[in-house]
């Protein structure tokens, strides 16, 4: 069984200013099998439209997602936030989720920094 993850975009991240930023998303259910989207360059909220297939060879109940701002060579990354969401229970049915990206503020409190938009589905075969 494979987990179909389509990262559609992010909201509340880009400032809409003149400076462009590069973003990527890293997704995993099992720590040793991380997949990442292509890098998207934008000065507003990034749109990814990237499909990631995550093999489910180990039992998992949550999808973990992290958003990074990176340089164009992807050699230096700035962590923007982390999100997680429960995996769908039905096979061959896609669900849309807008999941909260969280990070720590300067006082160590968890704060919402934006949202990631994803479609999820369990595929057989």
N, C-alpha and C. Protein backbone atom coordinates (compact mmCIF):
# COMPACT_ATOMS: atom_id res chain seq x y z
N UNK A 1 0.84 -1.17 0.00
CA UNK A 1 0.00 0.00 0.00
C UNK A 1 0.89 1.24 0.00
N UNK A 2 0.51 2.26 -0.77
CA UNK A 2 1.25 3.51 -0.86
C UNK A 2 0.37 4.66 -0.40
N UNK A 3 1.00 5.66 0.21
CA UNK A 3 0.31 6.88 0.57
C UNK A 3 0.56 7.89 -0.55
N UNK A 4 -0.52 8.35 -1.15
CA UNK A 4 -0.48 9.37 -2.18
C UNK A 4 -0.60 10.72 -1.47
N UNK A 5 0.39 11.57 -1.63
CA UNK A 5 0.37 12.90 -1.01
C UNK A 5 0.56 13.92 -2.12
N UNK A 6 -0.41 14.80 -2.30
CA UNK A 6 -0.24 15.89 -3.26
C UNK A 6 -0.19 17.19 -2.47
N UNK A 7 0.99 17.79 -2.42
CA UNK A 7 1.16 19.07 -1.75
C UNK A 7 0.71 20.14 -2.74
N UNK A 8 -0.35 20.83 -2.40
CA UNK A 8 -0.94 21.81 -3.32
C UNK A 8 -0.33 23.19 -3.11
N UNK A 9 -0.17 23.59 -1.86
CA UNK A 9 0.38 24.91 -1.62
C UNK A 9 0.46 25.22 -0.14
N UNK A 10 0.79 26.47 0.14
CA UNK A 10 0.88 26.95 1.51
C UNK A 10 0.21 28.31 1.57
N UNK A 11 -0.34 28.63 2.72
CA UNK A 11 -0.95 29.95 2.89
C UNK A 11 -0.45 30.56 4.18
N UNK A 12 -0.39 31.91 4.18
CA UNK A 12 0.10 32.63 5.35
C UNK A 12 1.61 32.66 5.46
N UNK A 13 2.32 32.27 4.39
CA UNK A 13 3.78 32.18 4.42
C UNK A 13 4.43 33.37 3.71
N UNK A 14 4.10 33.57 2.45
CA UNK A 14 4.72 34.62 1.66
C UNK A 14 4.23 36.00 2.06
N UNK A 15 5.10 37.00 1.92
CA UNK A 15 4.71 38.36 2.32
C UNK A 15 4.24 39.21 1.16
N UNK A 16 4.39 38.70 -0.07
CA UNK A 16 3.93 39.45 -1.23
C UNK A 16 4.83 40.62 -1.61
N UNK A 17 5.99 40.72 -0.96
CA UNK A 17 6.92 41.81 -1.26
C UNK A 17 7.68 41.56 -2.55
N UNK A 18 8.69 42.37 -2.79
CA UNK A 18 9.46 42.27 -4.03
C UNK A 18 10.48 41.14 -4.01
N UNK A 19 10.92 40.73 -2.83
CA UNK A 19 11.96 39.71 -2.73
C UNK A 19 11.36 38.31 -2.93
N UNK A 20 12.00 37.51 -3.76
CA UNK A 20 11.54 36.15 -4.00
C UNK A 20 12.26 35.17 -3.07
N UNK A 21 11.52 34.14 -2.65
CA UNK A 21 12.06 33.10 -1.77
C UNK A 21 11.86 31.74 -2.42
N UNK A 22 12.72 30.81 -2.09
CA UNK A 22 12.60 29.44 -2.56
C UNK A 22 12.06 28.58 -1.42
N UNK A 23 11.07 27.74 -1.71
CA UNK A 23 10.46 26.89 -0.70
C UNK A 23 10.46 25.44 -1.15
N UNK A 24 10.53 24.55 -0.18
CA UNK A 24 10.34 23.13 -0.44
C UNK A 24 9.62 22.53 0.77
N UNK A 25 8.95 21.41 0.53
CA UNK A 25 8.27 20.67 1.59
C UNK A 25 8.90 19.29 1.67
N UNK A 26 9.13 18.83 2.89
CA UNK A 26 9.61 17.47 3.13
C UNK A 26 8.49 16.73 3.86
N UNK A 27 8.15 15.53 3.38
CA UNK A 27 7.05 14.76 3.96
C UNK A 27 7.52 13.35 4.26
N UNK A 28 6.98 12.77 5.36
CA UNK A 28 7.31 11.40 5.71
C UNK A 28 6.30 10.84 6.68
N UNK A 29 6.19 9.52 6.68
CA UNK A 29 5.45 8.81 7.72
C UNK A 29 6.43 8.02 8.56
N UNK A 30 7.47 7.54 7.93
CA UNK A 30 8.55 6.83 8.62
C UNK A 30 9.82 7.65 8.44
N UNK A 31 10.49 7.92 9.53
CA UNK A 31 11.64 8.82 9.54
C UNK A 31 12.70 8.48 8.49
N UNK A 32 12.87 7.20 8.18
CA UNK A 32 13.91 6.79 7.24
C UNK A 32 13.48 6.85 5.78
N UNK A 33 12.29 7.37 5.50
CA UNK A 33 11.81 7.44 4.12
C UNK A 33 11.19 8.81 3.83
N UNK A 34 12.02 9.84 3.89
CA UNK A 34 11.55 11.20 3.63
C UNK A 34 11.53 11.48 2.13
N UNK A 35 10.52 12.22 1.70
CA UNK A 35 10.43 12.65 0.29
C UNK A 35 10.26 14.16 0.29
N UNK A 36 10.78 14.81 -0.76
CA UNK A 36 10.65 16.26 -0.80
C UNK A 36 10.13 16.73 -2.15
N UNK A 37 9.43 17.86 -2.10
CA UNK A 37 8.91 18.47 -3.31
C UNK A 37 10.04 19.17 -4.05
N UNK A 38 9.75 19.56 -5.27
CA UNK A 38 10.68 20.42 -6.00
C UNK A 38 10.69 21.78 -5.31
N UNK A 39 11.71 22.55 -5.60
CA UNK A 39 11.81 23.89 -5.02
C UNK A 39 10.97 24.85 -5.84
N UNK A 40 10.16 25.65 -5.15
CA UNK A 40 9.29 26.63 -5.79
C UNK A 40 9.80 28.03 -5.42
N UNK A 41 9.95 28.90 -6.41
CA UNK A 41 10.41 30.26 -6.16
C UNK A 41 9.22 31.21 -6.28
N UNK A 42 9.00 32.00 -5.24
CA UNK A 42 7.87 32.92 -5.24
C UNK A 42 8.08 34.02 -4.21
N UNK A 43 7.37 35.14 -4.38
CA UNK A 43 7.37 36.18 -3.36
C UNK A 43 6.04 36.19 -2.62
N UNK A 44 5.18 35.25 -2.93
CA UNK A 44 3.88 35.12 -2.27
C UNK A 44 3.79 33.70 -1.70
N UNK A 45 2.58 33.27 -1.34
CA UNK A 45 2.43 31.91 -0.83
C UNK A 45 2.77 30.90 -1.91
N UNK A 46 3.62 29.91 -1.61
CA UNK A 46 4.06 28.96 -2.63
C UNK A 46 2.97 27.97 -3.03
N UNK A 47 2.94 27.63 -4.32
CA UNK A 47 2.07 26.59 -4.86
C UNK A 47 2.97 25.49 -5.38
N UNK A 48 2.77 24.27 -4.91
CA UNK A 48 3.68 23.19 -5.25
C UNK A 48 3.14 22.28 -6.33
N UNK A 49 1.89 21.82 -6.21
CA UNK A 49 1.30 20.86 -7.16
C UNK A 49 2.22 19.66 -7.37
N UNK A 50 2.77 19.19 -6.28
CA UNK A 50 3.76 18.11 -6.33
C UNK A 50 3.19 16.84 -5.70
N UNK A 51 3.31 15.71 -6.43
CA UNK A 51 2.82 14.43 -5.91
C UNK A 51 3.99 13.65 -5.33
N UNK A 52 3.83 13.19 -4.10
CA UNK A 52 4.84 12.37 -3.43
C UNK A 52 4.21 11.02 -3.09
N UNK A 53 4.82 9.94 -3.50
CA UNK A 53 4.33 8.61 -3.14
C UNK A 53 5.20 8.08 -2.00
N UNK A 54 4.54 7.78 -0.88
CA UNK A 54 5.26 7.29 0.29
C UNK A 54 4.89 5.83 0.53
N UNK A 55 5.81 4.91 0.29
CA UNK A 55 5.53 3.50 0.53
C UNK A 55 5.24 3.25 2.01
N UNK A 56 4.23 2.48 2.29
CA UNK A 56 3.84 2.19 3.67
C UNK A 56 4.28 0.78 4.06
N UNK A 57 5.61 0.61 4.18
CA UNK A 57 6.14 -0.70 4.56
C UNK A 57 6.21 -0.88 6.07
N UNK A 58 5.94 0.19 6.82
CA UNK A 58 5.86 0.14 8.27
C UNK A 58 4.54 0.76 8.70
N UNK A 59 4.01 0.31 9.80
CA UNK A 59 2.76 0.86 10.30
C UNK A 59 2.95 2.34 10.64
N UNK A 60 2.02 3.17 10.21
CA UNK A 60 2.07 4.60 10.50
C UNK A 60 0.65 5.13 10.62
N UNK A 61 0.47 6.15 11.42
CA UNK A 61 -0.85 6.74 11.56
C UNK A 61 -0.86 8.24 11.27
N UNK A 62 0.35 8.84 11.15
CA UNK A 62 0.42 10.27 10.89
C UNK A 62 1.37 10.58 9.73
N UNK A 63 1.04 11.63 8.99
CA UNK A 63 1.92 12.19 7.98
C UNK A 63 2.57 13.42 8.60
N UNK A 64 3.89 13.51 8.51
CA UNK A 64 4.64 14.67 8.99
C UNK A 64 5.07 15.50 7.79
N UNK A 65 4.98 16.81 7.92
CA UNK A 65 5.34 17.73 6.85
C UNK A 65 6.16 18.87 7.43
N UNK A 66 7.20 19.28 6.72
CA UNK A 66 7.99 20.44 7.13
C UNK A 66 8.18 21.34 5.92
N UNK A 67 8.07 22.63 6.14
CA UNK A 67 8.28 23.62 5.10
C UNK A 67 9.60 24.33 5.37
N UNK A 68 10.41 24.45 4.31
CA UNK A 68 11.71 25.12 4.41
C UNK A 68 11.82 26.21 3.37
N UNK A 69 12.49 27.28 3.74
CA UNK A 69 12.94 28.28 2.79
C UNK A 69 14.39 27.92 2.50
N UNK A 70 14.74 27.79 1.23
CA UNK A 70 16.08 27.31 0.86
C UNK A 70 16.72 28.24 -0.16
N UNK A 71 18.04 28.12 -0.31
CA UNK A 71 18.67 28.86 -1.39
C UNK A 71 18.46 28.07 -2.69
N UNK A 72 18.77 28.67 -3.81
CA UNK A 72 18.45 28.06 -5.10
C UNK A 72 19.19 26.74 -5.33
N UNK A 73 20.34 26.55 -4.68
CA UNK A 73 21.09 25.30 -4.85
C UNK A 73 20.65 24.24 -3.84
N UNK A 74 19.72 24.58 -2.93
CA UNK A 74 19.22 23.67 -1.89
C UNK A 74 20.36 23.19 -0.99
N UNK A 75 21.34 24.06 -0.77
CA UNK A 75 22.45 23.69 0.12
C UNK A 75 22.31 24.32 1.51
N UNK A 76 21.41 25.28 1.64
CA UNK A 76 21.18 25.93 2.93
C UNK A 76 19.68 26.10 3.11
N UNK A 77 19.16 25.68 4.26
CA UNK A 77 17.72 25.72 4.47
C UNK A 77 17.38 26.43 5.77
N UNK A 78 16.26 27.16 5.74
CA UNK A 78 15.72 27.81 6.92
C UNK A 78 14.38 27.14 7.23
N UNK A 79 14.25 26.59 8.41
CA UNK A 79 13.04 25.89 8.82
C UNK A 79 11.92 26.90 9.05
N UNK A 80 10.80 26.73 8.34
CA UNK A 80 9.64 27.62 8.51
C UNK A 80 8.64 27.06 9.52
N UNK A 81 8.32 25.77 9.39
CA UNK A 81 7.36 25.19 10.31
C UNK A 81 7.08 23.73 10.03
N UNK A 82 6.44 23.07 11.01
CA UNK A 82 6.12 21.65 10.91
C UNK A 82 4.62 21.46 11.09
N UNK A 83 4.08 20.48 10.36
CA UNK A 83 2.67 20.12 10.48
C UNK A 83 2.57 18.60 10.51
N UNK A 84 1.51 18.10 11.10
CA UNK A 84 1.23 16.67 10.97
C UNK A 84 -0.27 16.48 10.95
N UNK A 85 -0.69 15.41 10.30
CA UNK A 85 -2.10 15.11 10.16
C UNK A 85 -2.28 13.60 10.13
N UNK A 86 -3.43 13.16 10.59
CA UNK A 86 -3.72 11.73 10.59
C UNK A 86 -3.85 11.22 9.16
N UNK A 87 -3.43 9.98 8.95
CA UNK A 87 -3.56 9.36 7.64
C UNK A 87 -5.02 8.96 7.41
N UNK A 88 -5.46 8.96 6.15
CA UNK A 88 -6.83 8.50 5.85
C UNK A 88 -7.00 7.03 6.20
N UNK A 89 -8.20 6.66 6.55
CA UNK A 89 -8.48 5.27 6.95
C UNK A 89 -8.98 4.42 5.78
N UNK A 90 -9.60 5.04 4.78
CA UNK A 90 -10.14 4.30 3.64
C UNK A 90 -9.13 4.28 2.51
N UNK A 91 -9.08 3.17 1.78
CA UNK A 91 -8.21 3.09 0.61
C UNK A 91 -8.93 3.64 -0.61
N UNK A 92 -8.15 4.16 -1.55
CA UNK A 92 -8.62 4.66 -2.83
C UNK A 92 -9.67 5.77 -2.70
N UNK A 93 -9.57 6.59 -1.66
CA UNK A 93 -10.43 7.77 -1.48
C UNK A 93 -9.54 8.92 -1.06
N UNK A 94 -9.51 10.00 -1.84
CA UNK A 94 -8.67 11.15 -1.53
C UNK A 94 -9.38 12.11 -0.59
N UNK A 95 -8.63 12.68 0.34
CA UNK A 95 -9.16 13.69 1.24
C UNK A 95 -8.29 14.94 1.16
N UNK A 96 -8.93 16.10 1.29
CA UNK A 96 -8.22 17.38 1.29
C UNK A 96 -8.06 17.83 2.73
N UNK A 97 -6.87 18.30 3.06
CA UNK A 97 -6.63 18.82 4.41
C UNK A 97 -5.81 20.11 4.32
N UNK A 98 -6.20 21.05 5.14
CA UNK A 98 -5.42 22.28 5.34
C UNK A 98 -4.86 22.14 6.75
N UNK A 99 -3.55 21.89 6.85
CA UNK A 99 -2.94 21.58 8.14
C UNK A 99 -2.09 22.75 8.63
N UNK A 100 -2.13 22.96 9.92
CA UNK A 100 -1.45 24.07 10.57
C UNK A 100 0.05 23.83 10.63
N UNK A 101 0.82 24.81 10.15
CA UNK A 101 2.27 24.81 10.30
C UNK A 101 2.61 25.53 11.59
N UNK A 102 3.42 24.87 12.42
CA UNK A 102 3.78 25.45 13.70
C UNK A 102 5.28 25.53 13.86
N UNK A 103 5.71 26.50 14.66
CA UNK A 103 7.11 26.68 14.98
C UNK A 103 7.17 27.28 16.39
N UNK A 104 8.35 27.46 16.92
CA UNK A 104 8.50 28.08 18.23
C UNK A 104 8.84 29.56 18.08
N UNK A 105 8.23 30.39 18.93
CA UNK A 105 8.60 31.80 18.93
C UNK A 105 9.85 31.98 19.80
N UNK A 106 10.29 33.21 19.98
CA UNK A 106 11.53 33.48 20.71
C UNK A 106 11.44 33.11 22.19
N UNK A 107 10.22 32.96 22.71
CA UNK A 107 10.03 32.56 24.11
C UNK A 107 9.85 31.06 24.27
N UNK A 108 9.86 30.33 23.15
CA UNK A 108 9.71 28.88 23.20
C UNK A 108 8.26 28.41 23.16
N UNK A 109 7.34 29.33 22.85
CA UNK A 109 5.93 28.95 22.73
C UNK A 109 5.62 28.49 21.32
N UNK A 110 4.72 27.51 21.19
CA UNK A 110 4.31 27.03 19.87
C UNK A 110 3.35 28.04 19.26
N UNK A 111 3.66 28.48 18.03
CA UNK A 111 2.81 29.44 17.33
C UNK A 111 2.51 28.93 15.92
N UNK A 112 1.36 29.31 15.41
CA UNK A 112 0.99 28.98 14.03
C UNK A 112 1.67 29.97 13.10
N UNK A 113 2.38 29.44 12.08
CA UNK A 113 3.10 30.29 11.14
C UNK A 113 2.49 30.24 9.74
N UNK A 114 1.44 29.46 9.55
CA UNK A 114 0.79 29.33 8.26
C UNK A 114 0.12 27.98 8.14
N UNK A 115 -0.21 27.62 6.90
CA UNK A 115 -0.92 26.37 6.64
C UNK A 115 -0.36 25.70 5.39
N UNK A 116 -0.35 24.38 5.39
CA UNK A 116 -0.03 23.60 4.18
C UNK A 116 -1.32 22.96 3.71
N UNK A 117 -1.51 22.92 2.40
CA UNK A 117 -2.68 22.33 1.80
C UNK A 117 -2.28 21.05 1.08
N UNK A 118 -2.91 19.94 1.45
CA UNK A 118 -2.53 18.64 0.89
C UNK A 118 -3.77 17.79 0.59
N UNK A 119 -3.63 16.95 -0.43
CA UNK A 119 -4.58 15.87 -0.70
C UNK A 119 -3.90 14.59 -0.29
N UNK A 120 -4.62 13.71 0.39
CA UNK A 120 -4.07 12.44 0.86
C UNK A 120 -4.95 11.30 0.39
N UNK A 121 -4.33 10.16 0.13
CA UNK A 121 -5.08 8.97 -0.22
C UNK A 121 -4.21 7.73 -0.08
N UNK A 122 -4.81 6.65 0.36
CA UNK A 122 -4.13 5.35 0.43
C UNK A 122 -4.44 4.59 -0.84
N UNK A 123 -3.40 4.12 -1.53
CA UNK A 123 -3.57 3.39 -2.78
C UNK A 123 -3.11 1.96 -2.60
N UNK A 124 -3.86 1.04 -3.11
CA UNK A 124 -3.45 -0.36 -3.09
C UNK A 124 -2.70 -0.68 -4.36
N UNK A 125 -1.83 -1.69 -4.27
CA UNK A 125 -1.11 -2.14 -5.45
C UNK A 125 -0.02 -1.24 -5.76
